[in-house]
Amino acid sequence: MFTVVFIVFSLLKESVDANTIESLLPEQHVSVGQSAVISCKYSGIGPSFQWYRQYPGSRPEYLIFNAETSVSSEPTLRLKAQAKKEITEVELEISSTEVKDSAVYYCALRPTVTGNPPALYKNLNTLTHLALHKDCDSPAFNQAQ
């Protein structure tokens, strides 16, 4: 049996209009095949969010954008993003988790670009690390806790 482990870190940054975003759970354990939900809480003007995924040694890749509505990705990605304006939270749901879902996930506020940089910079404020373990009794699993 495989277990999907989500390790969530908050990298808080304040923009000019004092928007902030932070992850709600520092870590989640999900078995392969189950759904996983990554939640972030925001303050300030919102919601307008982007979700990214980054594999080791690769650049972050854009996954999905959501605003005040629920939005689903291509069926092959198995993603659904939802903003809950009344409680100032945003969620990314990954259904039927697979081994290939092991990556770092970012929740970002609306993008901010200043000046004329050679490449656009997205303000990636919250990241979630997803790792897989074969057995919940393994030393690697126990060290992650």
N, C-alpha and C. Protein backbone atom coordinates (compact mmCIF):
# COMPACT_ATOMS: atom_id res chain seq x y z
N MET A 1 0.84 -1.18 0.00
CA MET A 1 0.00 0.00 0.00
C MET A 1 0.89 1.25 0.00
N PHE A 2 0.55 2.21 -0.81
CA PHE A 2 1.27 3.47 -0.87
C PHE A 2 0.50 4.51 -0.06
N THR A 3 1.23 5.41 0.55
CA THR A 3 0.63 6.53 1.27
C THR A 3 1.18 7.81 0.68
N VAL A 4 0.30 8.75 0.41
CA VAL A 4 0.69 10.05 -0.10
C VAL A 4 0.83 10.97 1.11
N VAL A 5 1.95 11.65 1.24
CA VAL A 5 2.19 12.53 2.37
C VAL A 5 2.26 13.97 1.86
N PHE A 6 1.45 14.83 2.42
CA PHE A 6 1.47 16.24 2.09
C PHE A 6 2.14 16.97 3.24
N ILE A 7 3.22 17.67 2.97
CA ILE A 7 3.87 18.50 3.97
C ILE A 7 3.66 19.94 3.51
N VAL A 8 2.99 20.72 4.34
CA VAL A 8 2.58 22.06 3.95
C VAL A 8 3.41 23.09 4.71
N PHE A 9 3.96 24.03 3.98
CA PHE A 9 4.72 25.13 4.57
C PHE A 9 4.05 26.44 4.17
N SER A 10 4.16 27.43 5.01
CA SER A 10 3.65 28.75 4.68
C SER A 10 4.81 29.69 4.46
N LEU A 11 4.81 30.34 3.35
CA LEU A 11 5.80 31.37 3.06
C LEU A 11 5.01 32.66 2.90
N LEU A 12 4.80 33.34 3.99
CA LEU A 12 3.95 34.52 3.98
C LEU A 12 4.69 35.72 3.43
N LYS A 13 4.00 36.42 2.56
CA LYS A 13 4.52 37.67 2.02
C LYS A 13 3.35 38.63 1.95
N GLU A 14 3.63 39.87 2.22
CA GLU A 14 2.59 40.87 2.11
C GLU A 14 2.85 41.72 0.89
N SER A 15 1.80 41.96 0.13
CA SER A 15 1.92 42.84 -1.03
C SER A 15 1.47 44.23 -0.62
N VAL A 16 1.45 45.13 -1.57
CA VAL A 16 1.09 46.52 -1.28
C VAL A 16 -0.30 46.61 -0.66
N ASP A 17 -1.25 45.78 -1.13
CA ASP A 17 -2.60 45.86 -0.60
C ASP A 17 -2.81 44.89 0.57
N ALA A 18 -1.74 44.40 1.19
CA ALA A 18 -1.74 43.57 2.40
C ALA A 18 -2.45 42.24 2.22
N ASN A 19 -2.46 41.70 1.02
CA ASN A 19 -3.00 40.36 0.83
C ASN A 19 -1.99 39.34 1.34
N THR A 20 -2.47 38.36 2.08
CA THR A 20 -1.61 37.28 2.56
C THR A 20 -2.29 35.95 2.29
N ILE A 21 -1.51 34.89 2.29
CA ILE A 21 -2.05 33.55 2.12
C ILE A 21 -1.19 32.59 2.93
N GLU A 22 -1.83 31.61 3.57
CA GLU A 22 -1.08 30.63 4.35
C GLU A 22 -1.78 29.28 4.28
N SER A 23 -0.99 28.24 4.39
CA SER A 23 -1.55 26.89 4.38
C SER A 23 -2.22 26.60 5.72
N LEU A 24 -3.21 25.72 5.71
CA LEU A 24 -3.95 25.40 6.93
C LEU A 24 -3.38 24.21 7.69
N LEU A 25 -2.87 23.21 7.00
CA LEU A 25 -2.32 22.03 7.65
C LEU A 25 -0.85 21.86 7.30
N PRO A 26 -0.01 21.59 8.29
CA PRO A 26 1.41 21.42 8.00
C PRO A 26 1.72 20.10 7.29
N GLU A 27 0.84 19.09 7.45
CA GLU A 27 1.12 17.79 6.85
C GLU A 27 -0.16 16.98 6.74
N GLN A 28 -0.27 16.23 5.65
CA GLN A 28 -1.40 15.33 5.45
C GLN A 28 -0.88 13.99 4.97
N HIS A 29 -1.53 12.92 5.38
CA HIS A 29 -1.19 11.58 4.91
C HIS A 29 -2.41 11.03 4.18
N VAL A 30 -2.23 10.65 2.93
CA VAL A 30 -3.32 10.15 2.11
C VAL A 30 -2.85 8.90 1.38
N SER A 31 -3.65 7.86 1.39
CA SER A 31 -3.31 6.64 0.66
C SER A 31 -3.55 6.85 -0.83
N VAL A 32 -2.72 6.22 -1.64
CA VAL A 32 -2.89 6.28 -3.09
C VAL A 32 -4.30 5.80 -3.42
N GLY A 33 -4.96 6.52 -4.31
CA GLY A 33 -6.33 6.19 -4.70
C GLY A 33 -7.36 7.04 -4.00
N GLN A 34 -7.00 7.63 -2.87
CA GLN A 34 -7.92 8.52 -2.17
C GLN A 34 -7.80 9.93 -2.72
N SER A 35 -8.74 10.79 -2.36
CA SER A 35 -8.66 12.20 -2.71
C SER A 35 -7.85 12.94 -1.66
N ALA A 36 -7.16 13.98 -2.09
CA ALA A 36 -6.39 14.83 -1.20
C ALA A 36 -6.87 16.27 -1.39
N VAL A 37 -7.00 17.00 -0.30
CA VAL A 37 -7.42 18.40 -0.37
C VAL A 37 -6.36 19.26 0.30
N ILE A 38 -5.83 20.22 -0.45
CA ILE A 38 -4.87 21.19 0.06
C ILE A 38 -5.63 22.49 0.27
N SER A 39 -5.59 23.04 1.46
CA SER A 39 -6.34 24.25 1.78
C SER A 39 -5.42 25.38 2.18
N CYS A 40 -5.77 26.58 1.74
CA CYS A 40 -5.05 27.80 2.12
C CYS A 40 -6.06 28.83 2.59
N LYS A 41 -5.66 29.62 3.56
CA LYS A 41 -6.49 30.72 4.06
C LYS A 41 -5.86 32.02 3.61
N TYR A 42 -6.69 32.94 3.14
CA TYR A 42 -6.17 34.21 2.65
C TYR A 42 -6.81 35.37 3.40
N SER A 43 -6.18 36.53 3.32
CA SER A 43 -6.76 37.76 3.85
C SER A 43 -6.56 38.85 2.82
N GLY A 44 -7.33 39.90 2.97
CA GLY A 44 -7.26 40.99 2.00
C GLY A 44 -8.24 40.76 0.87
N ILE A 45 -8.00 41.43 -0.22
CA ILE A 45 -8.88 41.31 -1.38
C ILE A 45 -8.68 39.95 -2.02
N GLY A 46 -9.72 39.31 -2.36
CA GLY A 46 -9.62 37.99 -2.98
C GLY A 46 -10.99 37.59 -3.45
N PRO A 47 -11.20 36.43 -3.85
CA PRO A 47 -10.17 35.44 -4.13
C PRO A 47 -9.79 35.41 -5.60
N SER A 48 -8.55 35.30 -5.87
CA SER A 48 -8.01 35.10 -7.22
C SER A 48 -6.70 34.36 -7.04
N PHE A 49 -6.69 33.08 -7.35
CA PHE A 49 -5.57 32.22 -7.00
C PHE A 49 -5.11 31.38 -8.17
N GLN A 50 -3.85 31.02 -8.14
CA GLN A 50 -3.29 30.08 -9.09
C GLN A 50 -2.68 28.93 -8.30
N TRP A 51 -2.72 27.75 -8.88
CA TRP A 51 -2.10 26.57 -8.28
C TRP A 51 -1.01 26.09 -9.22
N TYR A 52 0.12 25.71 -8.65
CA TYR A 52 1.28 25.23 -9.40
C TYR A 52 1.76 23.92 -8.79
N ARG A 53 2.46 23.13 -9.61
CA ARG A 53 3.10 21.90 -9.14
C ARG A 53 4.54 21.93 -9.61
N GLN A 54 5.46 21.47 -8.76
CA GLN A 54 6.87 21.44 -9.12
C GLN A 54 7.46 20.07 -8.78
N TYR A 55 8.02 19.42 -9.80
CA TYR A 55 8.72 18.16 -9.60
C TYR A 55 10.18 18.46 -9.28
N PRO A 56 10.87 17.58 -8.57
CA PRO A 56 12.28 17.82 -8.24
C PRO A 56 13.11 18.12 -9.48
N GLY A 57 13.91 19.17 -9.41
CA GLY A 57 14.78 19.55 -10.51
C GLY A 57 14.08 20.24 -11.66
N SER A 58 12.80 20.55 -11.52
CA SER A 58 12.04 21.19 -12.59
C SER A 58 11.49 22.53 -12.13
N ARG A 59 11.05 23.33 -13.10
CA ARG A 59 10.40 24.60 -12.79
C ARG A 59 8.96 24.33 -12.35
N PRO A 60 8.38 25.26 -11.60
CA PRO A 60 6.96 25.11 -11.26
C PRO A 60 6.12 25.13 -12.54
N GLU A 61 5.09 24.29 -12.59
CA GLU A 61 4.19 24.28 -13.73
C GLU A 61 2.81 24.72 -13.29
N TYR A 62 2.19 25.56 -14.11
CA TYR A 62 0.86 26.07 -13.83
C TYR A 62 -0.15 24.93 -13.93
N LEU A 63 -1.04 24.83 -12.94
CA LEU A 63 -2.05 23.79 -12.95
C LEU A 63 -3.44 24.32 -13.25
N ILE A 64 -3.87 25.29 -12.44
CA ILE A 64 -5.26 25.72 -12.52
C ILE A 64 -5.42 27.08 -11.85
N PHE A 65 -6.38 27.86 -12.34
CA PHE A 65 -6.72 29.17 -11.79
C PHE A 65 -8.13 29.08 -11.23
N ASN A 66 -8.38 29.72 -10.12
CA ASN A 66 -9.76 29.83 -9.67
C ASN A 66 -10.00 31.17 -9.02
N ALA A 67 -11.23 31.61 -9.17
CA ALA A 67 -11.63 32.88 -8.57
C ALA A 67 -12.78 32.58 -7.60
N GLU A 68 -13.92 33.19 -7.81
CA GLU A 68 -15.03 33.01 -6.87
C GLU A 68 -15.87 31.78 -7.16
N THR A 69 -15.47 30.97 -8.10
CA THR A 69 -16.26 29.80 -8.45
C THR A 69 -15.42 28.54 -8.33
N SER A 70 -16.08 27.42 -8.46
CA SER A 70 -15.39 26.14 -8.49
C SER A 70 -15.00 25.86 -9.93
N VAL A 71 -13.79 25.37 -10.14
CA VAL A 71 -13.33 25.08 -11.49
C VAL A 71 -12.60 23.75 -11.50
N SER A 72 -12.82 22.98 -12.55
CA SER A 72 -12.16 21.68 -12.68
C SER A 72 -11.18 21.73 -13.84
N SER A 73 -10.13 20.93 -13.74
CA SER A 73 -9.11 20.86 -14.78
C SER A 73 -9.51 19.80 -15.80
N GLU A 74 -8.60 19.54 -16.72
CA GLU A 74 -8.78 18.43 -17.64
C GLU A 74 -8.96 17.16 -16.81
N PRO A 75 -9.81 16.24 -17.24
CA PRO A 75 -10.04 15.02 -16.45
C PRO A 75 -8.76 14.24 -16.14
N THR A 76 -7.77 14.28 -17.04
CA THR A 76 -6.54 13.52 -16.80
C THR A 76 -5.74 14.06 -15.62
N LEU A 77 -5.89 15.35 -15.30
CA LEU A 77 -5.18 15.94 -14.16
C LEU A 77 -5.87 15.65 -12.83
N ARG A 78 -7.16 15.36 -12.85
CA ARG A 78 -7.92 15.02 -11.65
C ARG A 78 -7.93 16.13 -10.61
N LEU A 79 -7.98 17.39 -11.04
CA LEU A 79 -7.90 18.53 -10.14
C LEU A 79 -9.21 19.31 -10.10
N LYS A 80 -9.52 19.83 -8.93
CA LYS A 80 -10.65 20.73 -8.77
C LYS A 80 -10.23 21.81 -7.79
N ALA A 81 -10.40 23.07 -8.17
CA ALA A 81 -10.07 24.20 -7.30
C ALA A 81 -11.36 24.91 -6.92
N GLN A 82 -11.42 25.33 -5.67
CA GLN A 82 -12.63 25.98 -5.18
C GLN A 82 -12.25 27.08 -4.21
N ALA A 83 -12.87 28.24 -4.38
CA ALA A 83 -12.70 29.35 -3.44
C ALA A 83 -13.93 29.41 -2.56
N LYS A 84 -13.71 29.53 -1.26
CA LYS A 84 -14.80 29.64 -0.30
C LYS A 84 -14.72 31.04 0.31
N LYS A 85 -15.30 31.98 -0.40
CA LYS A 85 -15.18 33.39 -0.04
C LYS A 85 -15.71 33.68 1.37
N GLU A 86 -16.79 33.01 1.77
CA GLU A 86 -17.40 33.28 3.07
C GLU A 86 -16.48 32.94 4.24
N ILE A 87 -15.54 32.02 4.04
CA ILE A 87 -14.59 31.67 5.10
C ILE A 87 -13.15 31.97 4.68
N THR A 88 -12.97 32.72 3.63
CA THR A 88 -11.68 33.15 3.08
C THR A 88 -10.68 32.00 2.96
N GLU A 89 -11.13 30.94 2.31
CA GLU A 89 -10.26 29.79 2.05
C GLU A 89 -10.33 29.39 0.59
N VAL A 90 -9.28 28.75 0.14
CA VAL A 90 -9.23 28.21 -1.22
C VAL A 90 -8.70 26.79 -1.11
N GLU A 91 -9.25 25.89 -1.93
CA GLU A 91 -8.86 24.49 -1.87
C GLU A 91 -8.46 23.96 -3.24
N LEU A 92 -7.53 23.03 -3.23
CA LEU A 92 -7.19 22.26 -4.41
C LEU A 92 -7.43 20.80 -4.05
N GLU A 93 -8.31 20.15 -4.80
CA GLU A 93 -8.59 18.73 -4.58
C GLU A 93 -7.95 17.91 -5.69
N ILE A 94 -7.20 16.89 -5.30
CA ILE A 94 -6.62 15.94 -6.24
C ILE A 94 -7.36 14.64 -6.02
N SER A 95 -8.14 14.21 -7.00
CA SER A 95 -8.91 12.98 -6.83
C SER A 95 -8.10 11.78 -7.28
N SER A 96 -8.39 10.65 -6.72
CA SER A 96 -7.73 9.38 -7.07
C SER A 96 -6.22 9.55 -7.16
N THR A 97 -5.59 9.93 -6.06
CA THR A 97 -4.15 10.20 -6.07
C THR A 97 -3.35 9.03 -6.62
N GLU A 98 -2.28 9.38 -7.34
CA GLU A 98 -1.38 8.41 -7.96
C GLU A 98 0.05 8.72 -7.54
N VAL A 99 0.95 7.78 -7.76
CA VAL A 99 2.35 7.98 -7.42
C VAL A 99 2.89 9.23 -8.12
N LYS A 100 2.47 9.47 -9.36
CA LYS A 100 2.98 10.63 -10.11
C LYS A 100 2.54 11.97 -9.52
N ASP A 101 1.64 11.96 -8.55
CA ASP A 101 1.23 13.20 -7.89
C ASP A 101 2.26 13.68 -6.87
N SER A 102 3.31 12.91 -6.65
CA SER A 102 4.35 13.29 -5.71
C SER A 102 5.11 14.49 -6.26
N ALA A 103 4.97 15.64 -5.59
CA ALA A 103 5.57 16.89 -6.06
C ALA A 103 5.38 17.95 -4.99
N VAL A 104 5.86 19.15 -5.26
CA VAL A 104 5.60 20.30 -4.40
C VAL A 104 4.47 21.09 -5.05
N TYR A 105 3.47 21.44 -4.27
CA TYR A 105 2.32 22.20 -4.77
C TYR A 105 2.34 23.60 -4.16
N TYR A 106 2.04 24.60 -4.99
CA TYR A 106 2.04 25.99 -4.57
C TYR A 106 0.65 26.59 -4.74
N CYS A 107 0.24 27.34 -3.74
CA CYS A 107 -0.95 28.17 -3.81
C CYS A 107 -0.46 29.60 -3.89
N ALA A 108 -0.84 30.32 -4.92
CA ALA A 108 -0.34 31.69 -5.11
C ALA A 108 -1.49 32.67 -5.21
N LEU A 109 -1.26 33.86 -4.67
CA LEU A 109 -2.21 34.95 -4.87
C LEU A 109 -2.13 35.40 -6.31
N ARG A 110 -3.01 36.29 -6.68
CA ARG A 110 -2.95 36.79 -8.06
C ARG A 110 -1.53 37.24 -8.36
N PRO A 111 -1.07 37.03 -9.59
CA PRO A 111 0.33 37.31 -9.91
C PRO A 111 0.65 38.80 -9.84
N THR A 112 1.86 39.09 -9.43
CA THR A 112 2.34 40.46 -9.40
C THR A 112 3.62 40.54 -10.20
N VAL A 113 3.66 41.42 -11.16
CA VAL A 113 4.86 41.62 -11.97
C VAL A 113 5.23 43.08 -11.86
N THR A 114 6.48 43.36 -11.49
CA THR A 114 6.93 44.74 -11.41
C THR A 114 8.08 44.93 -12.36
N GLY A 115 8.15 46.08 -12.98
CA GLY A 115 9.23 46.35 -13.92
C GLY A 115 9.06 45.54 -15.19
N ASN A 116 10.17 45.28 -15.87
CA ASN A 116 10.14 44.53 -17.11
C ASN A 116 11.16 43.39 -17.01
N PRO A 117 10.88 42.39 -16.17
CA PRO A 117 11.85 41.30 -16.00
C PRO A 117 11.94 40.45 -17.26
N PRO A 118 13.06 39.72 -17.45
CA PRO A 118 13.20 38.87 -18.62
C PRO A 118 12.15 37.76 -18.66
N ALA A 119 11.67 37.32 -17.50
CA ALA A 119 10.61 36.32 -17.43
C ALA A 119 9.63 36.75 -16.35
N LEU A 120 8.35 36.45 -16.55
CA LEU A 120 7.36 36.80 -15.55
C LEU A 120 7.62 36.04 -14.27
N TYR A 121 7.40 36.70 -13.16
CA TYR A 121 7.60 36.09 -11.85
C TYR A 121 6.25 35.95 -11.17
N LYS A 122 5.91 34.78 -10.75
CA LYS A 122 4.68 34.55 -10.00
C LYS A 122 5.04 34.54 -8.52
N ASN A 123 4.27 35.25 -7.72
CA ASN A 123 4.49 35.28 -6.29
C ASN A 123 3.93 33.99 -5.69
N LEU A 124 4.78 32.98 -5.52
CA LEU A 124 4.36 31.69 -4.98
C LEU A 124 4.43 31.75 -3.46
N ASN A 125 3.29 31.82 -2.82
CA ASN A 125 3.27 32.09 -1.39
C ASN A 125 3.15 30.88 -0.50
N THR A 126 2.53 29.83 -0.93
CA THR A 126 2.35 28.66 -0.08
C THR A 126 2.74 27.43 -0.85
N LEU A 127 3.48 26.53 -0.22
CA LEU A 127 3.84 25.30 -0.91
C LEU A 127 3.44 24.10 -0.09
N THR A 128 3.15 23.04 -0.79
CA THR A 128 2.79 21.77 -0.19
C THR A 128 3.65 20.71 -0.83
N HIS A 129 4.35 19.95 -0.02
CA HIS A 129 5.20 18.88 -0.55
C HIS A 129 4.44 17.57 -0.45
N LEU A 130 4.36 16.84 -1.55
CA LEU A 130 3.67 15.57 -1.61
C LEU A 130 4.69 14.48 -1.83
N ALA A 131 4.76 13.52 -0.93
CA ALA A 131 5.69 12.41 -1.05
C ALA A 131 4.94 11.11 -0.84
N LEU A 132 5.50 10.02 -1.35
CA LEU A 132 4.84 8.72 -1.25
C LEU A 132 5.69 7.75 -0.46
N HIS A 133 5.05 6.91 0.31
CA HIS A 133 5.73 5.88 1.07
C HIS A 133 5.00 4.56 0.85
N LYS A 134 5.77 3.49 0.70
CA LYS A 134 5.17 2.19 0.44
C LYS A 134 4.39 1.65 1.63
N ASP A 135 4.87 1.90 2.83
CA ASP A 135 4.29 1.26 4.00
C ASP A 135 4.27 2.25 5.15
N CYS A 136 3.16 2.36 5.82
CA CYS A 136 3.04 3.31 6.94
C CYS A 136 3.95 2.95 8.10
N ASP A 137 4.45 1.71 8.16
CA ASP A 137 5.34 1.29 9.24
C ASP A 137 6.81 1.47 8.87
N SER A 138 7.09 2.00 7.68
CA SER A 138 8.48 2.15 7.26
C SER A 138 9.16 3.27 8.02
N PRO A 139 10.50 3.21 8.19
CA PRO A 139 11.23 4.28 8.88
C PRO A 139 11.04 5.64 8.20
N ALA A 140 10.97 5.65 6.86
CA ALA A 140 10.80 6.92 6.15
C ALA A 140 9.48 7.58 6.53
N PHE A 141 8.43 6.78 6.68
CA PHE A 141 7.13 7.32 7.06
C PHE A 141 7.18 7.89 8.47
N ASN A 142 7.78 7.17 9.38
CA ASN A 142 7.84 7.61 10.77
C ASN A 142 8.70 8.86 10.93
N GLN A 143 9.75 9.03 10.11
CA GLN A 143 10.57 10.23 10.16
C GLN A 143 9.81 11.43 9.64
N ALA A 144 8.89 11.23 8.70
CA ALA A 144 8.12 12.33 8.12
C ALA A 144 7.11 12.88 9.11
N GLN A 145 6.81 12.13 10.15
CA GLN A 145 5.79 12.59 11.10
C GLN A 145 6.34 13.53 12.10
